N, C-alpha and C. Protein backbone atom coordinates (compact mmCIF):
# COMPACT_ATOMS: atom_id res chain seq x y z
N UNK A 1 -58.53 49.40 -44.66
CA UNK A 1 -59.47 50.32 -44.35
C UNK A 1 -60.58 50.64 -44.95
N UNK A 2 -61.71 50.97 -44.36
CA UNK A 2 -63.02 51.08 -44.58
C UNK A 2 -63.62 52.50 -43.97
N UNK A 3 -63.75 53.19 -44.86
CA UNK A 3 -64.58 54.40 -44.32
C UNK A 3 -63.80 55.14 -43.11
N UNK A 4 -64.15 55.31 -41.87
CA UNK A 4 -63.14 55.99 -40.78
C UNK A 4 -62.44 54.97 -40.11
N UNK A 5 -62.95 53.55 -40.23
CA UNK A 5 -62.29 52.46 -39.59
C UNK A 5 -60.78 52.18 -40.20
N UNK A 6 -59.69 51.91 -39.18
CA UNK A 6 -58.50 51.50 -39.84
C UNK A 6 -58.09 50.35 -39.10
N UNK A 7 -57.90 49.22 -39.79
CA UNK A 7 -57.70 47.89 -39.35
C UNK A 7 -56.31 47.48 -39.37
N UNK A 8 -55.60 47.25 -38.36
CA UNK A 8 -53.98 46.74 -38.20
C UNK A 8 -53.85 45.40 -38.41
N UNK A 9 -54.85 44.69 -38.22
CA UNK A 9 -54.90 43.09 -38.13
C UNK A 9 -55.80 42.38 -37.10
N UNK A 10 -55.80 41.09 -37.30
CA UNK A 10 -56.58 40.59 -36.32
C UNK A 10 -55.96 40.15 -35.01
N UNK A 11 -57.01 39.90 -34.00
CA UNK A 11 -56.28 39.35 -32.69
C UNK A 11 -55.43 38.23 -32.92
N UNK A 12 -54.51 38.07 -32.07
CA UNK A 12 -53.46 36.98 -32.11
C UNK A 12 -54.11 36.07 -31.30
N UNK A 13 -54.23 34.83 -31.67
CA UNK A 13 -54.98 33.81 -30.89
C UNK A 13 -53.98 32.33 -30.79
N UNK A 14 -52.58 33.06 -30.58
CA UNK A 14 -51.49 31.81 -30.15
C UNK A 14 -52.01 31.30 -28.71
N UNK A 15 -52.53 32.00 -27.86
CA UNK A 15 -52.40 31.65 -26.31
C UNK A 15 -53.87 31.01 -26.17
N UNK A 16 -54.18 30.81 -24.95
CA UNK A 16 -55.20 30.01 -24.64
C UNK A 16 -56.37 30.43 -24.49
N UNK A 17 -57.45 30.04 -25.32
CA UNK A 17 -58.58 30.53 -25.43
C UNK A 17 -59.54 30.90 -24.24
N UNK A 18 -58.96 29.68 -23.24
CA UNK A 18 -59.93 29.69 -22.02
C UNK A 18 -59.25 31.14 -21.05
N UNK A 19 -57.98 31.39 -21.12
CA UNK A 19 -57.57 32.29 -20.38
C UNK A 19 -58.02 33.64 -21.17
N UNK A 20 -57.99 33.96 -22.35
CA UNK A 20 -58.49 34.90 -22.96
C UNK A 20 -59.86 35.09 -22.70
N UNK A 21 -60.61 34.20 -22.44
CA UNK A 21 -62.29 34.57 -22.06
C UNK A 21 -62.23 34.76 -20.68
N UNK A 22 -61.35 34.15 -19.63
CA UNK A 22 -61.36 34.48 -18.37
C UNK A 22 -61.05 36.13 -18.26
N UNK A 23 -59.69 36.53 -18.97
CA UNK A 23 -59.37 37.78 -18.93
C UNK A 23 -60.69 38.84 -19.37
N UNK A 24 -61.55 38.59 -20.28
CA UNK A 24 -62.35 39.24 -20.81
C UNK A 24 -63.68 39.24 -19.73
N UNK A 25 -63.86 38.26 -19.08
CA UNK A 25 -64.81 38.27 -17.77
C UNK A 25 -64.33 39.10 -16.81
N UNK A 26 -63.02 39.14 -16.47
CA UNK A 26 -62.72 39.93 -15.42
C UNK A 26 -62.63 41.48 -15.60
N UNK A 27 -62.06 41.62 -16.93
CA UNK A 27 -62.16 43.09 -17.13
C UNK A 27 -63.55 43.41 -17.21
N UNK A 28 -64.68 42.77 -17.77
CA UNK A 28 -65.96 43.48 -17.56
C UNK A 28 -66.20 43.82 -16.28
N UNK A 29 -66.08 42.79 -15.23
CA UNK A 29 -66.53 42.98 -13.93
C UNK A 29 -65.62 44.17 -13.61
N UNK A 30 -64.36 44.35 -13.63
CA UNK A 30 -63.37 45.43 -13.36
C UNK A 30 -63.96 46.83 -13.99
N UNK A 31 -64.53 46.57 -14.95
CA UNK A 31 -64.99 48.19 -15.45
C UNK A 31 -66.07 48.62 -14.52
N UNK A 32 -66.71 47.81 -14.01
CA UNK A 32 -68.07 48.25 -12.81
C UNK A 32 -67.22 48.77 -11.54
N UNK A 33 -66.35 48.10 -11.21
CA UNK A 33 -65.56 48.61 -9.89
C UNK A 33 -64.62 49.68 -9.74
N UNK A 34 -63.59 49.72 -10.83
CA UNK A 34 -62.66 50.52 -10.95
C UNK A 34 -62.97 51.36 -11.93
N UNK A 35 -62.95 52.81 -11.69
CA UNK A 35 -63.11 53.83 -12.56
C UNK A 35 -62.00 54.15 -13.63
N UNK A 36 -60.84 53.68 -13.54
CA UNK A 36 -59.75 53.89 -14.27
C UNK A 36 -60.21 52.81 -15.34
N UNK A 37 -60.67 51.59 -15.08
CA UNK A 37 -60.94 50.85 -16.25
C UNK A 37 -62.13 51.15 -16.94
N UNK A 38 -63.02 51.57 -16.34
CA UNK A 38 -64.17 52.14 -16.96
C UNK A 38 -63.77 53.62 -18.04
N UNK A 39 -63.26 54.24 -17.42
CA UNK A 39 -62.91 55.35 -18.37
C UNK A 39 -61.74 54.77 -19.44
N UNK A 40 -61.06 53.89 -19.21
CA UNK A 40 -60.25 53.46 -20.57
C UNK A 40 -61.14 52.71 -21.58
N UNK A 41 -61.93 51.99 -20.88
CA UNK A 41 -62.91 51.26 -21.92
C UNK A 41 -63.69 52.39 -22.72
N UNK A 42 -64.18 53.41 -22.04
CA UNK A 42 -64.92 54.42 -22.78
C UNK A 42 -64.27 55.20 -23.67
N UNK A 43 -63.03 55.37 -23.28
CA UNK A 43 -62.00 56.06 -24.29
C UNK A 43 -62.10 55.43 -25.41
N UNK A 44 -61.79 53.94 -25.49
CA UNK A 44 -61.81 53.29 -26.58
C UNK A 44 -62.70 53.18 -27.61
N UNK A 45 -63.99 52.98 -26.91
CA UNK A 45 -65.25 53.13 -27.33
C UNK A 45 -65.36 54.35 -28.30
N UNK A 46 -65.22 55.57 -27.34
CA UNK A 46 -65.24 56.87 -28.19
C UNK A 46 -64.08 56.96 -29.55
N UNK A 47 -63.08 56.11 -29.66
CA UNK A 47 -62.55 55.97 -30.67
C UNK A 47 -62.80 55.36 -31.71
N UNK A 48 -64.09 54.46 -31.68
CA UNK A 48 -64.74 54.04 -32.57
C UNK A 48 -64.31 52.57 -32.53
N UNK A 49 -63.68 51.71 -31.60
CA UNK A 49 -63.42 50.38 -31.44
C UNK A 49 -64.88 49.87 -30.89
N UNK A 50 -64.90 48.57 -31.51
CA UNK A 50 -66.17 47.71 -31.07
C UNK A 50 -66.00 47.36 -29.56
N UNK A 51 -66.99 46.77 -28.89
CA UNK A 51 -67.07 46.54 -27.90
C UNK A 51 -65.81 45.31 -27.41
N UNK A 52 -65.98 44.28 -28.24
CA UNK A 52 -64.66 43.12 -27.96
C UNK A 52 -63.32 43.75 -28.28
N UNK A 53 -63.23 44.36 -29.00
CA UNK A 53 -61.83 45.01 -29.34
C UNK A 53 -61.53 45.91 -28.16
N UNK A 54 -62.28 46.80 -27.61
CA UNK A 54 -62.10 47.58 -26.47
C UNK A 54 -61.87 46.77 -25.27
N UNK A 55 -62.69 45.47 -25.00
CA UNK A 55 -62.21 44.47 -24.05
C UNK A 55 -60.92 44.12 -24.02
N UNK A 56 -60.41 43.62 -25.32
CA UNK A 56 -59.25 43.08 -25.44
C UNK A 56 -58.02 44.04 -25.05
N UNK A 57 -58.31 45.35 -25.57
CA UNK A 57 -57.34 46.50 -25.15
C UNK A 57 -57.27 46.48 -23.68
N UNK A 58 -58.44 46.29 -22.95
CA UNK A 58 -58.50 46.46 -21.58
C UNK A 58 -58.02 45.30 -20.81
N UNK A 59 -58.01 43.93 -21.37
CA UNK A 59 -57.45 42.84 -20.94
C UNK A 59 -55.87 43.08 -21.09
N UNK A 60 -55.42 43.63 -22.12
CA UNK A 60 -53.98 43.85 -22.06
C UNK A 60 -53.52 44.86 -21.15
N UNK A 61 -54.00 45.81 -21.06
CA UNK A 61 -53.86 46.78 -19.97
C UNK A 61 -53.74 46.21 -18.61
N UNK A 62 -54.67 45.35 -18.13
CA UNK A 62 -54.93 44.68 -17.13
C UNK A 62 -53.43 43.74 -16.89
N UNK A 63 -53.29 42.87 -17.79
CA UNK A 63 -52.09 41.96 -17.84
C UNK A 63 -50.62 42.79 -17.59
N UNK A 64 -50.69 43.82 -18.44
CA UNK A 64 -49.45 44.97 -17.88
C UNK A 64 -49.26 45.34 -16.60
N UNK A 65 -50.56 45.93 -16.15
CA UNK A 65 -50.72 46.21 -14.62
C UNK A 65 -50.32 45.19 -13.76
N UNK A 66 -50.82 43.77 -13.96
CA UNK A 66 -50.49 42.82 -13.08
C UNK A 66 -48.81 42.45 -12.93
N UNK A 67 -48.31 42.20 -14.52
CA UNK A 67 -46.94 42.35 -14.38
C UNK A 67 -46.16 43.31 -13.46
N UNK A 68 -46.58 44.61 -13.99
CA UNK A 68 -45.85 45.59 -13.00
C UNK A 68 -45.98 45.48 -11.44
N UNK A 69 -47.03 45.03 -11.15
CA UNK A 69 -47.36 45.02 -9.72
C UNK A 69 -46.36 43.85 -9.13
N UNK A 70 -46.34 42.60 -9.93
CA UNK A 70 -45.83 41.75 -9.21
C UNK A 70 -44.15 41.93 -9.35
N UNK A 71 -43.51 42.52 -10.49
CA UNK A 71 -42.28 42.67 -10.48
C UNK A 71 -41.71 43.81 -9.64
N UNK A 72 -42.59 44.86 -9.37
CA UNK A 72 -42.06 46.04 -8.26
C UNK A 72 -42.51 45.58 -6.95
N UNK A 73 -43.41 44.47 -6.80
CA UNK A 73 -43.85 43.95 -5.32
C UNK A 73 -44.65 45.10 -4.75
N UNK A 74 -45.44 45.75 -5.34
CA UNK A 74 -46.18 46.92 -4.86
C UNK A 74 -47.69 46.54 -4.98
N UNK A 75 -48.70 47.23 -4.45
CA UNK A 75 -50.15 47.02 -4.44
C UNK A 75 -50.78 48.04 -5.21
N UNK A 76 -52.08 47.53 -5.82
CA UNK A 76 -52.96 48.48 -6.36
C UNK A 76 -53.67 49.09 -5.51
N UNK A 77 -53.86 50.42 -5.77
CA UNK A 77 -54.69 51.21 -4.98
C UNK A 77 -55.80 51.75 -5.77
N UNK A 78 -56.99 50.83 -5.80
CA UNK A 78 -57.99 51.17 -6.54
C UNK A 78 -58.50 52.60 -6.26
N UNK A 79 -58.78 53.07 -5.12
CA UNK A 79 -59.15 54.63 -5.03
C UNK A 79 -58.44 55.77 -5.48
N UNK A 80 -56.84 55.61 -5.62
CA UNK A 80 -56.02 56.59 -5.73
C UNK A 80 -55.47 56.37 -7.27
N UNK A 81 -56.09 55.28 -7.83
CA UNK A 81 -55.54 55.05 -9.35
C UNK A 81 -55.95 56.14 -10.28
N UNK A 82 -54.75 56.23 -11.22
CA UNK A 82 -55.08 57.46 -12.26
C UNK A 82 -55.22 56.84 -13.48
């Protein structure tokens, strides 16, 4: 803990670095085209998270969304997403 920042730990890097970098690139693009991702990113930035940390949170959200869509056999509606 330092000032107002409260650190819980480092990013776990057990997985593929190439996949992690690809996810970071995808979420940066999705922020431009999907308002729900843009809002989530800025919510994390307003909480005081650095850019890369906010992107990693967004990448995790994207992975959870993809998993949910695949397991429920549904489609993502970009227009009506909340």
